[in-house]
N, C-alpha and C. Protein backbone atom coordinates (compact mmCIF):
# COMPACT_ATOMS: atom_id res chain seq x y z
N MET A 1 -20.16 -14.58 21.55
CA MET A 1 -18.96 -14.04 22.10
C MET A 1 -18.26 -15.13 22.90
N LYS A 2 -16.98 -15.29 22.66
CA LYS A 2 -16.19 -16.32 23.30
C LYS A 2 -15.33 -15.73 24.42
N ILE A 3 -15.20 -16.51 25.51
CA ILE A 3 -14.36 -16.07 26.64
C ILE A 3 -12.94 -16.55 26.38
N SER A 4 -11.99 -15.64 26.55
CA SER A 4 -10.61 -16.01 26.29
C SER A 4 -10.06 -16.88 27.43
N GLY A 5 -8.96 -17.57 27.17
CA GLY A 5 -8.34 -18.47 28.16
C GLY A 5 -7.85 -17.72 29.38
N ASN A 6 -7.29 -16.54 29.18
CA ASN A 6 -6.80 -15.74 30.32
C ASN A 6 -7.94 -15.30 31.22
N THR A 7 -9.03 -14.87 30.64
CA THR A 7 -10.19 -14.44 31.43
C THR A 7 -10.75 -15.59 32.25
N LEU A 8 -10.79 -16.77 31.66
CA LEU A 8 -11.29 -17.95 32.36
C LEU A 8 -10.39 -18.32 33.54
N ARG A 9 -9.07 -18.28 33.33
CA ARG A 9 -8.12 -18.59 34.42
C ARG A 9 -8.22 -17.57 35.55
N ILE A 10 -8.34 -16.32 35.22
CA ILE A 10 -8.46 -15.27 36.24
C ILE A 10 -9.77 -15.46 37.02
N GLY A 11 -10.83 -15.81 36.35
CA GLY A 11 -12.12 -16.04 37.01
C GLY A 11 -12.06 -17.23 37.96
N ILE A 12 -11.42 -18.31 37.54
CA ILE A 12 -11.30 -19.50 38.40
C ILE A 12 -10.42 -19.18 39.61
N ALA A 13 -9.32 -18.48 39.40
CA ALA A 13 -8.43 -18.11 40.51
C ALA A 13 -9.16 -17.21 41.51
N THR A 14 -9.93 -16.28 41.01
CA THR A 14 -10.69 -15.38 41.89
C THR A 14 -11.72 -16.17 42.69
N ALA A 15 -12.40 -17.11 42.05
CA ALA A 15 -13.40 -17.92 42.76
C ALA A 15 -12.75 -18.78 43.83
N VAL A 16 -11.58 -19.34 43.55
CA VAL A 16 -10.87 -20.16 44.54
C VAL A 16 -10.45 -19.31 45.74
N ILE A 17 -9.91 -18.12 45.46
CA ILE A 17 -9.46 -17.23 46.55
C ILE A 17 -10.65 -16.79 47.39
N LEU A 18 -11.74 -16.36 46.76
CA LEU A 18 -12.92 -15.92 47.52
C LEU A 18 -13.52 -17.08 48.31
N GLY A 19 -13.54 -18.27 47.74
CA GLY A 19 -14.04 -19.44 48.46
C GLY A 19 -13.19 -19.77 49.68
N THR A 20 -11.87 -19.68 49.55
CA THR A 20 -10.96 -19.94 50.67
C THR A 20 -11.15 -18.91 51.77
N VAL A 21 -11.25 -17.65 51.42
CA VAL A 21 -11.46 -16.59 52.41
C VAL A 21 -12.79 -16.80 53.14
N ALA A 22 -13.84 -17.14 52.40
CA ALA A 22 -15.15 -17.38 53.02
C ALA A 22 -15.09 -18.58 53.97
N TRP A 23 -14.41 -19.66 53.57
CA TRP A 23 -14.29 -20.84 54.43
C TRP A 23 -13.51 -20.51 55.70
N LEU A 24 -12.40 -19.76 55.59
CA LEU A 24 -11.62 -19.37 56.77
C LEU A 24 -12.43 -18.47 57.71
N ALA A 25 -13.20 -17.56 57.14
CA ALA A 25 -14.03 -16.68 57.97
C ALA A 25 -15.09 -17.47 58.71
N PHE A 26 -15.71 -18.41 58.04
CA PHE A 26 -16.77 -19.21 58.66
C PHE A 26 -16.22 -20.10 59.77
N THR A 27 -15.13 -20.78 59.53
CA THR A 27 -14.56 -21.67 60.56
C THR A 27 -13.93 -20.87 61.69
N GLY A 28 -13.34 -19.72 61.41
CA GLY A 28 -12.74 -18.88 62.44
C GLY A 28 -13.78 -18.25 63.34
N TYR A 29 -14.93 -17.94 62.79
CA TYR A 29 -16.00 -17.33 63.59
C TYR A 29 -16.46 -18.28 64.68
N GLY A 30 -16.67 -19.52 64.36
CA GLY A 30 -17.13 -20.49 65.36
C GLY A 30 -16.08 -20.80 66.39
N ALA A 31 -14.81 -20.82 66.00
CA ALA A 31 -13.74 -21.16 66.93
C ALA A 31 -13.44 -20.02 67.89
N GLY A 32 -13.70 -18.80 67.50
CA GLY A 32 -13.37 -17.65 68.32
C GLY A 32 -14.43 -17.27 69.34
N LYS A 33 -15.59 -17.88 69.29
CA LYS A 33 -16.67 -17.52 70.21
C LYS A 33 -16.40 -18.09 71.60
N GLN A 34 -16.64 -17.28 72.61
CA GLN A 34 -16.56 -17.73 74.00
C GLN A 34 -17.85 -17.31 74.67
N TYR A 35 -18.49 -18.24 75.34
CA TYR A 35 -19.73 -17.97 76.04
C TYR A 35 -19.44 -17.66 77.49
N LEU A 36 -20.01 -16.55 78.00
CA LEU A 36 -19.87 -16.21 79.41
C LEU A 36 -20.97 -16.91 80.18
N VAL A 37 -20.60 -17.75 81.13
CA VAL A 37 -21.57 -18.48 81.92
C VAL A 37 -21.23 -18.33 83.40
N HIS A 38 -22.23 -18.50 84.21
CA HIS A 38 -22.04 -18.53 85.66
C HIS A 38 -21.79 -19.98 86.06
N ILE A 39 -21.20 -20.18 87.21
CA ILE A 39 -20.88 -21.53 87.67
C ILE A 39 -22.14 -22.39 87.71
N SER A 40 -23.23 -21.83 88.14
CA SER A 40 -24.48 -22.58 88.26
C SER A 40 -25.02 -23.03 86.91
N GLU A 41 -24.64 -22.37 85.82
CA GLU A 41 -25.14 -22.72 84.49
C GLU A 41 -24.35 -23.85 83.83
N LEU A 42 -23.18 -24.18 84.33
CA LEU A 42 -22.36 -25.22 83.71
C LEU A 42 -23.06 -26.57 83.68
N GLY A 43 -23.71 -26.94 84.78
CA GLY A 43 -24.37 -28.24 84.85
C GLY A 43 -25.53 -28.37 83.88
N GLY A 44 -26.21 -27.28 83.58
CA GLY A 44 -27.36 -27.32 82.69
C GLY A 44 -27.01 -27.27 81.21
N MET A 45 -25.73 -27.12 80.89
CA MET A 45 -25.34 -27.03 79.48
C MET A 45 -25.19 -28.39 78.81
N GLY A 46 -25.11 -29.44 79.60
CA GLY A 46 -24.95 -30.78 79.02
C GLY A 46 -23.61 -30.94 78.35
N ASP A 47 -23.59 -31.65 77.21
CA ASP A 47 -22.34 -31.90 76.48
C ASP A 47 -21.76 -30.64 75.85
N LYS A 48 -22.57 -29.61 75.67
CA LYS A 48 -22.06 -28.36 75.10
C LYS A 48 -20.99 -27.74 76.00
N ALA A 49 -21.09 -27.97 77.32
CA ALA A 49 -20.12 -27.41 78.25
C ALA A 49 -18.72 -27.96 77.99
N TYR A 50 -18.63 -29.17 77.49
CA TYR A 50 -17.33 -29.81 77.29
C TYR A 50 -16.72 -29.53 75.92
N SER A 51 -17.50 -28.99 75.01
CA SER A 51 -17.00 -28.81 73.65
C SER A 51 -16.84 -27.35 73.24
N ARG A 52 -17.21 -26.42 74.09
CA ARG A 52 -17.14 -24.99 73.74
C ARG A 52 -16.07 -24.28 74.55
N GLN A 53 -15.59 -23.19 73.97
CA GLN A 53 -14.74 -22.26 74.71
C GLN A 53 -15.66 -21.44 75.60
N LEU A 54 -15.35 -21.39 76.88
CA LEU A 54 -16.22 -20.71 77.84
C LEU A 54 -15.46 -19.67 78.64
N ARG A 55 -16.22 -18.74 79.17
CA ARG A 55 -15.72 -17.78 80.16
C ARG A 55 -16.62 -17.95 81.37
N VAL A 56 -16.04 -18.29 82.51
CA VAL A 56 -16.82 -18.53 83.73
C VAL A 56 -16.46 -17.47 84.74
N ASP A 57 -17.48 -16.89 85.38
CA ASP A 57 -17.21 -15.89 86.40
C ASP A 57 -17.63 -16.39 87.77
N GLY A 58 -16.97 -15.87 88.78
CA GLY A 58 -17.26 -16.23 90.17
C GLY A 58 -16.29 -15.50 91.09
N PHE A 59 -16.26 -15.93 92.35
CA PHE A 59 -15.42 -15.29 93.34
C PHE A 59 -14.41 -16.29 93.88
N VAL A 60 -13.18 -15.87 94.04
CA VAL A 60 -12.10 -16.73 94.52
C VAL A 60 -12.35 -17.04 95.99
N ILE A 61 -12.37 -18.32 96.33
CA ILE A 61 -12.59 -18.73 97.72
C ILE A 61 -11.32 -18.43 98.51
N PRO A 62 -11.44 -17.72 99.63
CA PRO A 62 -10.26 -17.39 100.43
C PRO A 62 -9.51 -18.64 100.88
N GLY A 63 -8.17 -18.60 100.73
CA GLY A 63 -7.31 -19.69 101.14
C GLY A 63 -7.18 -20.81 100.13
N SER A 64 -7.80 -20.69 98.96
CA SER A 64 -7.77 -21.79 97.98
C SER A 64 -6.71 -21.61 96.89
N ILE A 65 -6.04 -20.47 96.86
CA ILE A 65 -5.07 -20.20 95.79
C ILE A 65 -3.77 -20.96 96.04
N GLU A 66 -3.36 -21.75 95.05
CA GLU A 66 -2.09 -22.48 95.10
C GLU A 66 -1.26 -22.09 93.88
N HIS A 67 -0.13 -21.43 94.11
CA HIS A 67 0.74 -20.99 93.01
C HIS A 67 1.75 -22.08 92.66
N ASP A 68 2.01 -22.23 91.36
CA ASP A 68 3.05 -23.12 90.86
C ASP A 68 3.72 -22.39 89.70
N GLY A 69 4.60 -21.45 90.02
CA GLY A 69 5.19 -20.59 89.00
C GLY A 69 4.11 -19.68 88.44
N PRO A 70 3.99 -19.59 87.11
CA PRO A 70 2.93 -18.75 86.54
C PRO A 70 1.57 -19.44 86.55
N HIS A 71 1.53 -20.72 86.91
CA HIS A 71 0.28 -21.48 86.93
C HIS A 71 -0.36 -21.39 88.31
N VAL A 72 -1.69 -21.42 88.33
CA VAL A 72 -2.43 -21.27 89.58
C VAL A 72 -3.59 -22.26 89.59
N THR A 73 -3.83 -22.86 90.75
CA THR A 73 -5.02 -23.68 90.97
C THR A 73 -5.79 -23.02 92.09
N PHE A 74 -7.11 -22.89 91.92
CA PHE A 74 -7.94 -22.25 92.94
C PHE A 74 -9.37 -22.71 92.81
N MET A 75 -10.17 -22.38 93.80
CA MET A 75 -11.60 -22.70 93.80
C MET A 75 -12.39 -21.40 93.65
N MET A 76 -13.47 -21.49 92.88
CA MET A 76 -14.37 -20.34 92.72
C MET A 76 -15.74 -20.70 93.25
N ASN A 77 -16.41 -19.73 93.83
CA ASN A 77 -17.78 -19.85 94.31
C ASN A 77 -18.60 -18.84 93.52
N GLU A 78 -19.87 -19.11 93.33
CA GLU A 78 -20.69 -18.15 92.61
C GLU A 78 -21.03 -16.93 93.45
N PHE A 79 -20.77 -16.99 94.77
CA PHE A 79 -21.05 -15.86 95.66
C PHE A 79 -19.78 -15.50 96.45
N GLU A 80 -19.69 -14.23 96.87
CA GLU A 80 -18.58 -13.80 97.72
C GLU A 80 -18.64 -14.52 99.05
N SER A 81 -17.49 -14.70 99.69
CA SER A 81 -17.44 -15.47 100.93
C SER A 81 -18.24 -14.82 102.06
N HIS A 82 -18.36 -13.51 102.08
CA HIS A 82 -19.09 -12.85 103.17
C HIS A 82 -20.59 -12.70 102.85
N SER A 83 -21.03 -13.24 101.72
CA SER A 83 -22.45 -13.21 101.37
C SER A 83 -23.19 -14.30 102.14
N PRO A 84 -24.41 -14.04 102.59
CA PRO A 84 -25.18 -15.08 103.28
C PRO A 84 -25.50 -16.27 102.37
N LYS A 85 -25.44 -16.09 101.05
CA LYS A 85 -25.71 -17.18 100.11
C LYS A 85 -24.48 -18.05 99.85
N ALA A 86 -23.31 -17.63 100.31
CA ALA A 86 -22.05 -18.33 100.00
C ALA A 86 -22.07 -19.82 100.37
N PRO A 87 -22.61 -20.23 101.52
CA PRO A 87 -22.59 -21.67 101.83
C PRO A 87 -23.39 -22.52 100.84
N GLU A 88 -24.41 -21.95 100.20
CA GLU A 88 -25.20 -22.72 99.23
C GLU A 88 -24.67 -22.56 97.81
N GLY A 89 -23.65 -21.74 97.61
CA GLY A 89 -23.13 -21.48 96.26
C GLY A 89 -22.43 -22.69 95.67
N ARG A 90 -22.50 -22.79 94.35
CA ARG A 90 -21.81 -23.89 93.66
C ARG A 90 -20.34 -23.56 93.54
N LEU A 91 -19.50 -24.59 93.66
CA LEU A 91 -18.06 -24.42 93.61
C LEU A 91 -17.51 -24.97 92.31
N LEU A 92 -16.37 -24.41 91.89
CA LEU A 92 -15.71 -24.86 90.67
C LEU A 92 -14.21 -24.79 90.88
N LYS A 93 -13.53 -25.90 90.62
CA LYS A 93 -12.07 -25.92 90.68
C LYS A 93 -11.55 -25.41 89.34
N VAL A 94 -10.60 -24.48 89.40
CA VAL A 94 -10.02 -23.89 88.20
C VAL A 94 -8.51 -24.12 88.21
N VAL A 95 -8.00 -24.62 87.09
CA VAL A 95 -6.56 -24.77 86.91
C VAL A 95 -6.17 -23.82 85.78
N TYR A 96 -5.39 -22.79 86.14
CA TYR A 96 -4.96 -21.79 85.16
C TYR A 96 -3.54 -22.11 84.71
N LYS A 97 -3.38 -22.33 83.42
CA LYS A 97 -2.07 -22.54 82.81
C LYS A 97 -1.97 -21.63 81.60
N GLY A 98 -1.72 -20.38 81.88
CA GLY A 98 -1.63 -19.41 80.80
C GLY A 98 -0.20 -19.01 80.54
N SER A 99 -0.02 -18.15 79.56
CA SER A 99 1.32 -17.71 79.20
C SER A 99 1.81 -16.58 80.10
N GLU A 100 0.90 -15.95 80.84
CA GLU A 100 1.26 -14.84 81.72
C GLU A 100 0.88 -15.19 83.15
N PRO A 101 1.57 -14.61 84.14
CA PRO A 101 1.16 -14.85 85.53
C PRO A 101 -0.19 -14.19 85.79
N PRO A 102 -0.88 -14.61 86.85
CA PRO A 102 -2.18 -14.00 87.16
C PRO A 102 -2.03 -12.51 87.46
N PRO A 103 -3.08 -11.74 87.24
CA PRO A 103 -3.00 -10.29 87.50
C PRO A 103 -2.80 -9.99 88.99
N ASP A 104 -2.32 -8.78 89.29
CA ASP A 104 -2.08 -8.37 90.67
C ASP A 104 -3.35 -8.35 91.50
N THR A 105 -4.48 -8.13 90.86
CA THR A 105 -5.76 -8.05 91.60
C THR A 105 -6.33 -9.43 91.91
N PHE A 106 -5.65 -10.48 91.47
CA PHE A 106 -6.11 -11.85 91.74
C PHE A 106 -5.74 -12.21 93.17
N LYS A 107 -6.72 -12.14 94.06
CA LYS A 107 -6.52 -12.38 95.49
C LYS A 107 -7.76 -13.09 96.04
N ASP A 108 -7.70 -13.43 97.31
CA ASP A 108 -8.87 -14.04 97.98
C ASP A 108 -10.08 -13.13 97.84
N ASP A 109 -11.22 -13.72 97.55
CA ASP A 109 -12.51 -13.03 97.43
C ASP A 109 -12.60 -12.08 96.24
N ALA A 110 -11.61 -12.09 95.35
CA ALA A 110 -11.68 -11.24 94.16
C ALA A 110 -12.67 -11.84 93.18
N GLN A 111 -13.34 -10.99 92.44
CA GLN A 111 -14.21 -11.46 91.36
C GLN A 111 -13.30 -11.84 90.20
N ALA A 112 -13.46 -13.06 89.68
CA ALA A 112 -12.57 -13.55 88.63
C ALA A 112 -13.37 -14.06 87.45
N VAL A 113 -12.78 -13.94 86.27
CA VAL A 113 -13.33 -14.50 85.04
C VAL A 113 -12.22 -15.36 84.43
N ALA A 114 -12.51 -16.64 84.28
CA ALA A 114 -11.55 -17.57 83.70
C ALA A 114 -12.05 -18.00 82.32
N ALA A 115 -11.18 -17.96 81.33
CA ALA A 115 -11.53 -18.37 79.97
C ALA A 115 -10.78 -19.64 79.63
N GLY A 116 -11.50 -20.62 79.09
CA GLY A 116 -10.89 -21.88 78.73
C GLY A 116 -11.94 -22.93 78.44
N THR A 117 -11.66 -24.17 78.86
CA THR A 117 -12.58 -25.28 78.60
C THR A 117 -12.92 -26.01 79.90
N TYR A 118 -14.11 -26.58 79.92
CA TYR A 118 -14.59 -27.33 81.07
C TYR A 118 -14.35 -28.81 80.79
N GLY A 119 -13.62 -29.47 81.69
CA GLY A 119 -13.32 -30.88 81.49
C GLY A 119 -14.38 -31.79 82.09
N ARG A 120 -14.44 -33.00 81.60
CA ARG A 120 -15.40 -33.98 82.12
C ARG A 120 -15.07 -34.38 83.55
N ASP A 121 -13.87 -34.05 84.02
CA ASP A 121 -13.48 -34.33 85.40
C ASP A 121 -14.01 -33.28 86.38
N GLY A 122 -14.75 -32.28 85.87
CA GLY A 122 -15.33 -31.25 86.72
C GLY A 122 -14.38 -30.10 87.00
N VAL A 123 -13.24 -30.07 86.34
CA VAL A 123 -12.24 -29.01 86.52
C VAL A 123 -12.29 -28.10 85.31
N PHE A 124 -12.23 -26.80 85.56
CA PHE A 124 -12.18 -25.82 84.48
C PHE A 124 -10.72 -25.53 84.17
N HIS A 125 -10.31 -25.76 82.93
CA HIS A 125 -8.93 -25.57 82.50
C HIS A 125 -8.83 -24.22 81.79
N ALA A 126 -8.27 -23.24 82.49
CA ALA A 126 -8.25 -21.87 81.99
C ALA A 126 -6.92 -21.54 81.31
N THR A 127 -7.01 -20.76 80.25
CA THR A 127 -5.83 -20.24 79.57
C THR A 127 -5.73 -18.73 79.71
N GLU A 128 -6.80 -18.10 80.18
CA GLU A 128 -6.82 -16.66 80.44
C GLU A 128 -7.47 -16.44 81.80
N LEU A 129 -7.01 -15.41 82.51
CA LEU A 129 -7.55 -15.12 83.83
C LEU A 129 -7.62 -13.62 84.02
N GLN A 130 -8.80 -13.15 84.41
CA GLN A 130 -9.00 -11.73 84.71
C GLN A 130 -9.56 -11.65 86.12
N ALA A 131 -9.18 -10.61 86.85
CA ALA A 131 -9.68 -10.47 88.22
C ALA A 131 -9.80 -9.01 88.58
N LYS A 132 -10.74 -8.75 89.46
CA LYS A 132 -10.83 -7.41 90.04
C LYS A 132 -11.15 -7.58 91.50
N CYS A 133 -10.57 -6.75 92.31
CA CYS A 133 -10.77 -6.82 93.75
C CYS A 133 -12.00 -5.98 94.06
N ALA A 134 -13.09 -6.63 94.35
CA ALA A 134 -14.36 -5.92 94.55
C ALA A 134 -14.29 -4.93 95.71
N SER A 135 -13.62 -5.30 96.78
CA SER A 135 -13.57 -4.41 97.94
C SER A 135 -12.77 -3.15 97.64
N LYS A 136 -11.80 -3.23 96.75
CA LYS A 136 -10.97 -2.07 96.43
C LYS A 136 -11.77 -1.00 95.68
N TYR A 137 -12.73 -1.44 94.85
CA TYR A 137 -13.46 -0.51 94.02
C TYR A 137 -14.84 -0.15 94.57
N ALA A 138 -15.24 -0.80 95.65
CA ALA A 138 -16.55 -0.53 96.23
C ALA A 138 -16.49 0.76 97.02
N PRO A 139 -17.57 1.50 97.06
CA PRO A 139 -17.57 2.73 97.86
C PRO A 139 -17.48 2.37 99.34
N ALA A 140 -16.74 3.17 100.07
CA ALA A 140 -16.54 2.92 101.50
C ALA A 140 -17.82 3.19 102.26
N GLY A 141 -18.08 2.40 103.27
CA GLY A 141 -19.25 2.59 104.12
C GLY A 141 -19.04 3.74 105.08
N PRO A 142 -20.08 4.15 105.80
CA PRO A 142 -19.98 5.34 106.65
C PRO A 142 -19.06 5.15 107.86
N ASN A 143 -18.88 3.94 108.37
CA ASN A 143 -18.07 3.73 109.57
C ASN A 143 -16.79 2.97 109.29
N GLN A 144 -16.33 2.95 108.05
CA GLN A 144 -15.10 2.24 107.72
C GLN A 144 -13.91 3.17 107.84
N PRO A 145 -12.72 2.64 108.14
CA PRO A 145 -11.54 3.49 108.23
C PRO A 145 -11.26 4.19 106.90
N GLY A 146 -10.77 5.40 106.99
CA GLY A 146 -10.44 6.14 105.79
C GLY A 146 -11.58 6.94 105.23
N THR A 147 -12.73 6.93 105.89
CA THR A 147 -13.86 7.71 105.40
C THR A 147 -14.02 8.94 106.27
N LYS A 148 -14.49 9.98 105.68
CA LYS A 148 -14.73 11.23 106.41
C LYS A 148 -16.16 11.25 106.90
N PRO A 149 -16.42 11.84 108.04
CA PRO A 149 -17.81 11.94 108.49
C PRO A 149 -18.63 12.79 107.53
N ALA A 150 -19.88 12.47 107.45
CA ALA A 150 -20.77 13.20 106.54
C ALA A 150 -20.91 14.64 107.02
N MET A 151 -20.93 15.56 106.06
CA MET A 151 -21.08 16.97 106.42
C MET A 151 -22.56 17.28 106.56
N THR A 152 -22.88 18.06 107.56
CA THR A 152 -24.27 18.45 107.75
C THR A 152 -24.47 19.83 107.16
N ALA A 153 -25.65 20.06 106.66
CA ALA A 153 -25.97 21.35 106.07
C ALA A 153 -26.15 22.37 107.19
N PRO A 154 -25.70 23.60 106.95
CA PRO A 154 -25.87 24.63 107.99
C PRO A 154 -27.35 24.91 108.22
N ALA A 155 -27.65 25.21 109.45
CA ALA A 155 -29.05 25.49 109.80
C ALA A 155 -29.50 26.78 109.14
N LYS A 156 -30.75 26.79 108.68
CA LYS A 156 -31.28 28.00 108.06
C LYS A 156 -31.70 28.96 109.15
N SER A 157 -31.37 30.22 108.95
CA SER A 157 -31.75 31.23 109.94
C SER A 157 -33.04 31.91 109.51
N ASN A 158 -33.68 32.48 110.45
CA ASN A 158 -34.87 33.26 110.11
C ASN A 158 -34.37 34.56 109.49
N ALA A 159 -34.72 34.83 108.33
CA ALA A 159 -34.20 36.00 107.61
C ALA A 159 -34.95 37.26 107.98
N SER A 160 -35.32 37.42 109.23
CA SER A 160 -36.05 38.62 109.64
C SER A 160 -35.13 39.80 109.83
N ALA A 161 -33.89 39.55 110.29
CA ALA A 161 -32.98 40.67 110.50
C ALA A 161 -31.71 40.43 109.70
N PRO A 162 -31.18 41.46 109.03
CA PRO A 162 -29.94 41.26 108.29
C PRO A 162 -28.78 41.06 109.24
N ALA A 163 -27.78 40.32 108.77
CA ALA A 163 -26.59 40.07 109.58
C ALA A 163 -25.79 41.34 109.69
N ALA A 164 -24.96 41.39 110.71
CA ALA A 164 -24.13 42.58 110.90
C ALA A 164 -23.21 42.75 109.71
N GLY A 165 -22.99 43.96 109.31
CA GLY A 165 -22.12 44.21 108.17
C GLY A 165 -22.94 44.27 106.90
N ASN A 166 -22.53 43.54 105.90
CA ASN A 166 -23.17 43.56 104.60
C ASN A 166 -24.47 42.76 104.64
N ALA A 167 -25.52 43.29 104.12
CA ALA A 167 -26.82 42.62 104.14
C ALA A 167 -26.84 41.42 103.20
N ASN A 168 -26.10 41.44 102.13
CA ASN A 168 -26.06 40.33 101.19
C ASN A 168 -24.63 39.81 101.13
N PRO A 169 -24.33 38.70 101.81
CA PRO A 169 -22.95 38.24 101.88
C PRO A 169 -22.42 37.82 100.51
N ALA A 170 -23.25 37.58 99.54
CA ALA A 170 -22.77 37.16 98.23
C ALA A 170 -22.29 38.35 97.41
N SER A 171 -22.72 39.57 97.75
CA SER A 171 -22.30 40.74 96.97
C SER A 171 -20.93 41.21 97.44
N PRO A 172 -20.15 41.77 96.57
CA PRO A 172 -18.83 42.23 96.97
C PRO A 172 -18.92 43.42 97.91
N LYS A 173 -17.92 43.53 98.77
CA LYS A 173 -17.89 44.67 99.70
C LYS A 173 -17.46 45.92 98.94
N PRO A 174 -18.02 47.05 99.33
CA PRO A 174 -17.61 48.28 98.63
C PRO A 174 -16.16 48.61 98.95
N ALA A 175 -15.48 49.17 97.97
CA ALA A 175 -14.09 49.55 98.17
C ALA A 175 -14.03 50.77 99.04
N ALA A 176 -13.06 50.86 99.90
CA ALA A 176 -12.94 51.99 100.82
C ALA A 176 -12.09 53.07 100.27
């Protein structure tokens, strides 16, 4: 049985198209990966830190934010400023040059995640920036403003004598 010329051309075209799609999928998969790392892990990554797309998380150091239009330069610490570990925390300078301004929650001591590349100069060059204000979402403590005092449970009575009126307060009162 002989294969016709049209069948052969269609088979070659299909193989070329499938090969191109497979090559694009393979190369796109590697380029789209971003590794989430902590500031302390950057030093241990070696040369991989300089060649990969990374997402670094940490806390914005109070007073370090410098705005330049939609671009921002700031310092991140691996610990919040009010943490006892903060003085020993590793620091990272971040230069954000993205297409959008930083989010509204990007403030001093906010938890931030910067996506981009780590330069050999020790500066993280971010193209994406996410932030959340940890204090805004944390549950309020017992003595902080805006909190209500804790309610105490009513004292249990000795059920030896029924209360005046209806003996079972949960039952409806009889109609008169």
